[in-house]
């Protein structure tokens, strides 16, 4: 029995779907994809804070 775990055993379905695209595009594109996803996360977080503050200002948060 091998002490190494196969990548196929640990992959999620989404990673299996996108891995060929990521491997073909290379590391440079992967960095841009990661930066884009991080930017989306930051924008979502800022929107959440804005909505929370807006609700507290107009008194909807009880």
PDB file of N, CA and C in Angstrom:
ATOM      1  N   UNK A   1       0.848  -1.189   0.000  1.00  0.00           N
ATOM      2  CA  UNK A   1       0.000   0.000   0.000  1.00  0.00           C
ATOM      3  C   UNK A   1       0.890   1.248   0.000  1.00  0.00           C
ATOM      4  N   UNK A   2       0.571   2.161  -0.864  1.00  0.00           N
ATOM      5  CA  UNK A   2       1.378   3.367  -0.991  1.00  0.00           C
ATOM      6  C   UNK A   2       1.048   4.355   0.122  1.00  0.00           C
ATOM      7  N   UNK A   3       2.080   5.052   0.585  1.00  0.00           N
ATOM      8  CA  UNK A   3       1.842   6.065   1.616  1.00  0.00           C
ATOM      9  C   UNK A   3       1.355   7.374   1.015  1.00  0.00           C
ATOM     10  N   UNK A   4       1.357   7.480  -0.300  1.00  0.00           N
ATOM     11  CA  UNK A   4       0.908   8.688  -0.975  1.00  0.00           C
ATOM     12  C   UNK A   4      -0.548   8.548  -1.389  1.00  0.00           C
ATOM     13  N   UNK A   5      -1.280   9.637  -1.281  1.00  0.00           N
ATOM     14  CA  UNK A   5      -2.686   9.648  -1.679  1.00  0.00           C
ATOM     15  C   UNK A   5      -2.779  10.209  -3.083  1.00  0.00           C
ATOM     16  N   UNK A   6      -3.541   9.551  -3.904  1.00  0.00           N
ATOM     17  CA  UNK A   6      -3.716  10.006  -5.281  1.00  0.00           C
ATOM     18  C   UNK A   6      -4.469  11.326  -5.305  1.00  0.00           C
ATOM     19  N   UNK A   7      -4.093  12.194  -6.233  1.00  0.00           N
ATOM     20  CA  UNK A   7      -4.803  13.467  -6.391  1.00  0.00           C
ATOM     21  C   UNK A   7      -6.256  13.204  -6.752  1.00  0.00           C
ATOM     22  N   UNK A   8      -6.489  12.164  -7.538  1.00  0.00           N
ATOM     23  CA  UNK A   8      -7.858  11.829  -7.937  1.00  0.00           C
ATOM     24  C   UNK A   8      -8.724  11.496  -6.725  1.00  0.00           C
ATOM     25  N   UNK A   9      -8.116  10.970  -5.669  1.00  0.00           N
ATOM     26  CA  UNK A   9      -8.867  10.611  -4.468  1.00  0.00           C
ATOM     27  C   UNK A   9      -9.262  11.829  -3.644  1.00  0.00           C
ATOM     28  N   UNK A  10      -8.519  12.918  -3.775  1.00  0.00           N
ATOM     29  CA  UNK A  10      -8.764  14.075  -2.915  1.00  0.00           C
ATOM     30  C   UNK A  10      -9.426  15.243  -3.637  1.00  0.00           C
ATOM     31  N   UNK A  11      -9.528  15.165  -4.959  1.00  0.00           N
ATOM     32  CA  UNK A  11     -10.101  16.278  -5.723  1.00  0.00           C
ATOM     33  C   UNK A  11     -11.593  16.420  -5.497  1.00  0.00           C
ATOM     34  N   UNK A  12     -12.054  17.663  -5.539  1.00  0.00           N
ATOM     35  CA  UNK A  12     -13.487  17.901  -5.578  1.00  0.00           C
ATOM     36  C   UNK A  12     -13.924  17.918  -7.033  1.00  0.00           C
ATOM     37  N   UNK A  13     -15.211  17.844  -7.256  1.00  0.00           N
ATOM     38  CA  UNK A  13     -15.725  17.831  -8.627  1.00  0.00           C
ATOM     39  C   UNK A  13     -15.354  19.103  -9.365  1.00  0.00           C
ATOM     40  N   UNK A  14     -15.426  20.243  -8.694  1.00  0.00           N
ATOM     41  CA  UNK A  14     -15.108  21.516  -9.345  1.00  0.00           C
ATOM     42  C   UNK A  14     -13.642  21.567  -9.761  1.00  0.00           C
ATOM     43  N   UNK A  15     -12.760  21.083  -8.893  1.00  0.00           N
ATOM     44  CA  UNK A  15     -11.342  21.086  -9.233  1.00  0.00           C
ATOM     45  C   UNK A  15     -11.063  20.150 -10.404  1.00  0.00           C
ATOM     46  N   UNK A  16     -11.736  19.004 -10.442  1.00  0.00           N
ATOM     47  CA  UNK A  16     -11.567  18.084 -11.569  1.00  0.00           C
ATOM     48  C   UNK A  16     -11.996  18.745 -12.868  1.00  0.00           C
ATOM     49  N   UNK A  17     -13.045  19.551 -12.785  1.00  0.00           N
ATOM     50  CA  UNK A  17     -13.563  20.209 -13.985  1.00  0.00           C
ATOM     51  C   UNK A  17     -12.597  21.275 -14.489  1.00  0.00           C
ATOM     52  N   UNK A  18     -12.002  22.049 -13.585  1.00  0.00           N
ATOM     53  CA  UNK A  18     -11.201  23.209 -13.995  1.00  0.00           C
ATOM     54  C   UNK A  18      -9.709  22.936 -14.072  1.00  0.00           C
ATOM     55  N   UNK A  19      -9.242  21.799 -13.545  1.00  0.00           N
ATOM     56  CA  UNK A  19      -7.801  21.544 -13.541  1.00  0.00           C
ATOM     57  C   UNK A  19      -7.174  21.570 -14.934  1.00  0.00           C
ATOM     58  N   UNK A  20      -7.776  20.950 -15.966  1.00  0.00           N
ATOM     59  CA  UNK A  20      -7.142  21.021 -17.299  1.00  0.00           C
ATOM     60  C   UNK A  20      -6.981  22.455 -17.795  1.00  0.00           C
ATOM     61  N   UNK A  21      -7.971  23.305 -17.539  1.00  0.00           N
ATOM     62  CA  UNK A  21      -7.889  24.704 -17.960  1.00  0.00           C
ATOM     63  C   UNK A  21      -6.773  25.424 -17.214  1.00  0.00           C
ATOM     64  N   UNK A  22      -6.665  25.173 -15.916  1.00  0.00           N
ATOM     65  CA  UNK A  22      -5.625  25.821 -15.117  1.00  0.00           C
ATOM     66  C   UNK A  22      -4.243  25.356 -15.568  1.00  0.00           C
ATOM     67  N   UNK A  23      -4.102  24.065 -15.841  1.00  0.00           N
ATOM     68  CA  UNK A  23      -2.800  23.545 -16.263  1.00  0.00           C
ATOM     69  C   UNK A  23      -2.401  24.079 -17.631  1.00  0.00           C
ATOM     70  N   UNK A  24      -3.365  24.227 -18.542  1.00  0.00           N
ATOM     71  CA  UNK A  24      -3.051  24.750 -19.875  1.00  0.00           C
ATOM     72  C   UNK A  24      -2.690  26.224 -19.820  1.00  0.00           C
ATOM     73  N   UNK A  25      -3.358  26.975 -18.948  1.00  0.00           N
ATOM     74  CA  UNK A  25      -3.151  28.421 -18.923  1.00  0.00           C
ATOM     75  C   UNK A  25      -1.839  28.808 -18.246  1.00  0.00           C
ATOM     76  N   UNK A  26      -1.323  27.952 -17.417  1.00  0.00           N
ATOM     77  CA  UNK A  26      -0.049  28.213 -16.763  1.00  0.00           C
ATOM     78  C   UNK A  26      -0.200  28.996 -15.469  1.00  0.00           C
ATOM     79  N   UNK A  27       0.909  29.165 -14.791  1.00  0.00           N
ATOM     80  CA  UNK A  27       0.898  29.796 -13.471  1.00  0.00           C
ATOM     81  C   UNK A  27       0.553  31.278 -13.542  1.00  0.00           C
ATOM     82  N   UNK A  28       0.942  31.948 -14.628  1.00  0.00           N
ATOM     83  CA  UNK A  28       0.695  33.384 -14.733  1.00  0.00           C
ATOM     84  C   UNK A  28      -0.801  33.681 -14.688  1.00  0.00           C
ATOM     85  N   UNK A  29      -1.578  32.934 -15.467  1.00  0.00           N
ATOM     86  CA  UNK A  29      -3.025  33.130 -15.477  1.00  0.00           C
ATOM     87  C   UNK A  29      -3.631  32.734 -14.140  1.00  0.00           C
ATOM     88  N   UNK A  30      -3.091  31.701 -13.536  1.00  0.00           N
ATOM     89  CA  UNK A  30      -3.599  31.258 -12.245  1.00  0.00           C
ATOM     90  C   UNK A  30      -3.457  32.358 -11.196  1.00  0.00           C
ATOM     91  N   UNK A  31      -2.368  33.103 -11.255  1.00  0.00           N
ATOM     92  CA  UNK A  31      -2.178  34.227 -10.328  1.00  0.00           C
ATOM     93  C   UNK A  31      -3.260  35.273 -10.553  1.00  0.00           C
ATOM     94  N   UNK A  32      -3.572  35.566 -11.820  1.00  0.00           N
ATOM     95  CA  UNK A  32      -4.616  36.549 -12.116  1.00  0.00           C
ATOM     96  C   UNK A  32      -5.981  36.062 -11.656  1.00  0.00           C
ATOM     97  N   UNK A  33      -6.253  34.772 -11.819  1.00  0.00           N
ATOM     98  CA  UNK A  33      -7.530  34.213 -11.356  1.00  0.00           C
ATOM     99  C   UNK A  33      -7.633  34.341  -9.846  1.00  0.00           C
ATOM    100  N   UNK A  34      -6.561  34.019  -9.133  1.00  0.00           N
ATOM    101  CA  UNK A  34      -6.571  34.145  -7.672  1.00  0.00           C
ATOM    102  C   UNK A  34      -6.759  35.599  -7.247  1.00  0.00           C
ATOM    103  N   UNK A  35      -6.109  36.524  -7.940  1.00  0.00           N
ATOM    104  CA  UNK A  35      -6.266  37.946  -7.616  1.00  0.00           C
ATOM    105  C   UNK A  35      -7.699  38.399  -7.867  1.00  0.00           C
ATOM    106  N   UNK A  36      -8.291  37.927  -8.959  1.00  0.00           N
ATOM    107  CA  UNK A  36      -9.673  38.289  -9.273  1.00  0.00           C
ATOM    108  C   UNK A  36     -10.628  37.761  -8.201  1.00  0.00           C
ATOM    109  N   UNK A  37     -10.443  36.514  -7.786  1.00  0.00           N
ATOM    110  CA  UNK A  37     -11.311  35.941  -6.757  1.00  0.00           C
ATOM    111  C   UNK A  37     -11.152  36.671  -5.431  1.00  0.00           C
ATOM    112  N   UNK A  38      -9.930  37.060  -5.092  1.00  0.00           N
ATOM    113  CA  UNK A  38      -9.700  37.820  -3.865  1.00  0.00           C
ATOM    114  C   UNK A  38     -10.374  39.184  -3.940  1.00  0.00           C
ATOM    115  N   UNK A  39     -10.315  39.824  -5.108  1.00  0.00           N
ATOM    116  CA  UNK A  39     -10.965  41.114  -5.294  1.00  0.00           C
ATOM    117  C   UNK A  39     -12.482  40.975  -5.133  1.00  0.00           C
ATOM    118  N   UNK A  40     -13.055  39.899  -5.687  1.00  0.00           N
ATOM    119  CA  UNK A  40     -14.488  39.667  -5.551  1.00  0.00           C
ATOM    120  C   UNK A  40     -14.871  39.474  -4.091  1.00  0.00           C
ATOM    121  N   UNK A  41     -14.042  38.752  -3.356  1.00  0.00           N
ATOM    122  CA  UNK A  41     -14.305  38.526  -1.939  1.00  0.00           C
ATOM    123  C   UNK A  41     -14.270  39.837  -1.165  1.00  0.00           C
ATOM    124  N   UNK A  42     -13.285  40.683  -1.458  1.00  0.00           N
ATOM    125  CA  UNK A  42     -13.174  41.981  -0.781  1.00  0.00           C
ATOM    126  C   UNK A  42     -14.369  42.871  -1.105  1.00  0.00           C
ATOM    127  N   UNK A  43     -14.797  42.878  -2.365  1.00  0.00           N
ATOM    128  CA  UNK A  43     -15.953  43.692  -2.757  1.00  0.00           C
ATOM    129  C   UNK A  43     -17.212  43.202  -2.058  1.00  0.00           C
ATOM    130  N   UNK A  44     -17.373  41.890  -1.955  1.00  0.00           N
ATOM    131  CA  UNK A  44     -18.536  41.333  -1.274  1.00  0.00           C
ATOM    132  C   UNK A  44     -18.526  41.722   0.197  1.00  0.00           C
ATOM    133  N   UNK A  45     -17.345  41.690   0.811  1.00  0.00           N
ATOM    134  CA  UNK A  45     -17.219  42.048   2.219  1.00  0.00           C
ATOM    135  C   UNK A  45     -17.549  43.522   2.427  1.00  0.00           C
ATOM    136  N   UNK A  46     -17.066  44.385   1.524  1.00  0.00           N
ATOM    137  CA  UNK A  46     -17.367  45.818   1.636  1.00  0.00           C
ATOM    138  C   UNK A  46     -18.859  46.074   1.461  1.00  0.00           C
ATOM    139  N   UNK A  47     -19.498  45.345   0.543  1.00  0.00           N
ATOM    140  CA  UNK A  47     -20.937  45.500   0.341  1.00  0.00           C
ATOM    141  C   UNK A  47     -21.701  45.073   1.588  1.00  0.00           C
ATOM    142  N   UNK A  48     -21.264  43.982   2.206  1.00  0.00           N
ATOM    143  CA  UNK A  48     -21.905  43.510   3.427  1.00  0.00           C
ATOM    144  C   UNK A  48     -21.796  44.550   4.540  1.00  0.00           C
ATOM    145  N   UNK A  49     -20.629  45.148   4.698  1.00  0.00           N
ATOM    146  CA  UNK A  49     -20.442  46.199   5.711  1.00  0.00           C
ATOM    147  C   UNK A  49     -21.321  47.404   5.399  1.00  0.00           C
ATOM    148  N   UNK A  50     -21.366  47.808   4.118  1.00  0.00           N
ATOM    149  CA  UNK A  50     -22.181  48.952   3.723  1.00  0.00           C
ATOM    150  C   UNK A  50     -23.654  48.709   4.034  1.00  0.00           C
ATOM    151  N   UNK A  51     -24.151  47.517   3.690  1.00  0.00           N
ATOM    152  CA  UNK A  51     -25.556  47.212   3.956  1.00  0.00           C
ATOM    153  C   UNK A  51     -25.841  47.163   5.449  1.00  0.00           C
ATOM    154  N   UNK A  52     -24.913  46.620   6.203  1.00  0.00           N
ATOM    155  CA  UNK A  52     -25.084  46.551   7.650  1.00  0.00           C
ATOM    156  C   UNK A  52     -25.144  47.949   8.263  1.00  0.00           C
ATOM    157  N   UNK A  53     -24.236  48.829   7.835  1.00  0.00           N
ATOM    158  CA  UNK A  53     -24.240  50.201   8.342  1.00  0.00           C
ATOM    159  C   UNK A  53     -25.489  50.949   7.905  1.00  0.00           C
ATOM    160  N   UNK A  54     -25.918  50.732   6.671  1.00  0.00           N
ATOM    161  CA  UNK A  54     -27.124  51.398   6.179  1.00  0.00           C
ATOM    162  C   UNK A  54     -28.342  50.978   6.982  1.00  0.00           C
ATOM    163  N   UNK A  55     -28.435  49.682   7.284  1.00  0.00           N
ATOM    164  CA  UNK A  55     -29.572  49.200   8.064  1.00  0.00           C
ATOM    165  C   UNK A  55     -29.551  49.775   9.470  1.00  0.00           C
ATOM    166  N   UNK A  56     -28.362  49.915  10.049  1.00  0.00           N
ATOM    167  CA  UNK A  56     -28.297  50.458  11.402  1.00  0.00           C
ATOM    168  C   UNK A  56     -28.621  51.949  11.415  1.00  0.00           C
ATOM    169  N   UNK A  57     -28.267  52.661  10.344  1.00  0.00           N
ATOM    170  CA  UNK A  57     -28.558  54.095  10.274  1.00  0.00           C
ATOM    171  C   UNK A  57     -30.057  54.342  10.158  1.00  0.00           C
ATOM    172  N   UNK A  58     -30.741  53.529   9.333  1.00  0.00           N
ATOM    173  CA  UNK A  58     -32.181  53.761   9.155  1.00  0.00           C
ATOM    174  C   UNK A  58     -33.017  52.993  10.171  1.00  0.00           C
ATOM    175  N   UNK A  59     -32.373  52.221  11.049  1.00  0.00           N
ATOM    176  CA  UNK A  59     -33.081  51.576  12.148  1.00  0.00           C
ATOM    177  C   UNK A  59     -33.752  50.270  11.814  1.00  0.00           C
ATOM    178  N   UNK A  60     -33.275  49.526  10.818  1.00  0.00           N
ATOM    179  CA  UNK A  60     -33.894  48.254  10.463  1.00  0.00           C
ATOM    180  C   UNK A  60     -33.275  47.063  11.183  1.00  0.00           C
ATOM    181  N   UNK A  61     -32.215  47.293  11.933  1.00  0.00           N
ATOM    182  CA  UNK A  61     -31.535  46.161  12.568  1.00  0.00           C
ATOM    183  C   UNK A  61     -32.060  45.853  13.968  1.00  0.00           C
ATOM    184  N   UNK A  62     -33.089  46.569  14.407  1.00  0.00           N
ATOM    185  CA  UNK A  62     -33.707  46.391  15.733  1.00  0.00           C
ATOM    186  C   UNK A  62     -32.705  46.667  16.815  1.00  0.00           C
TER     187      UNK A  62
END
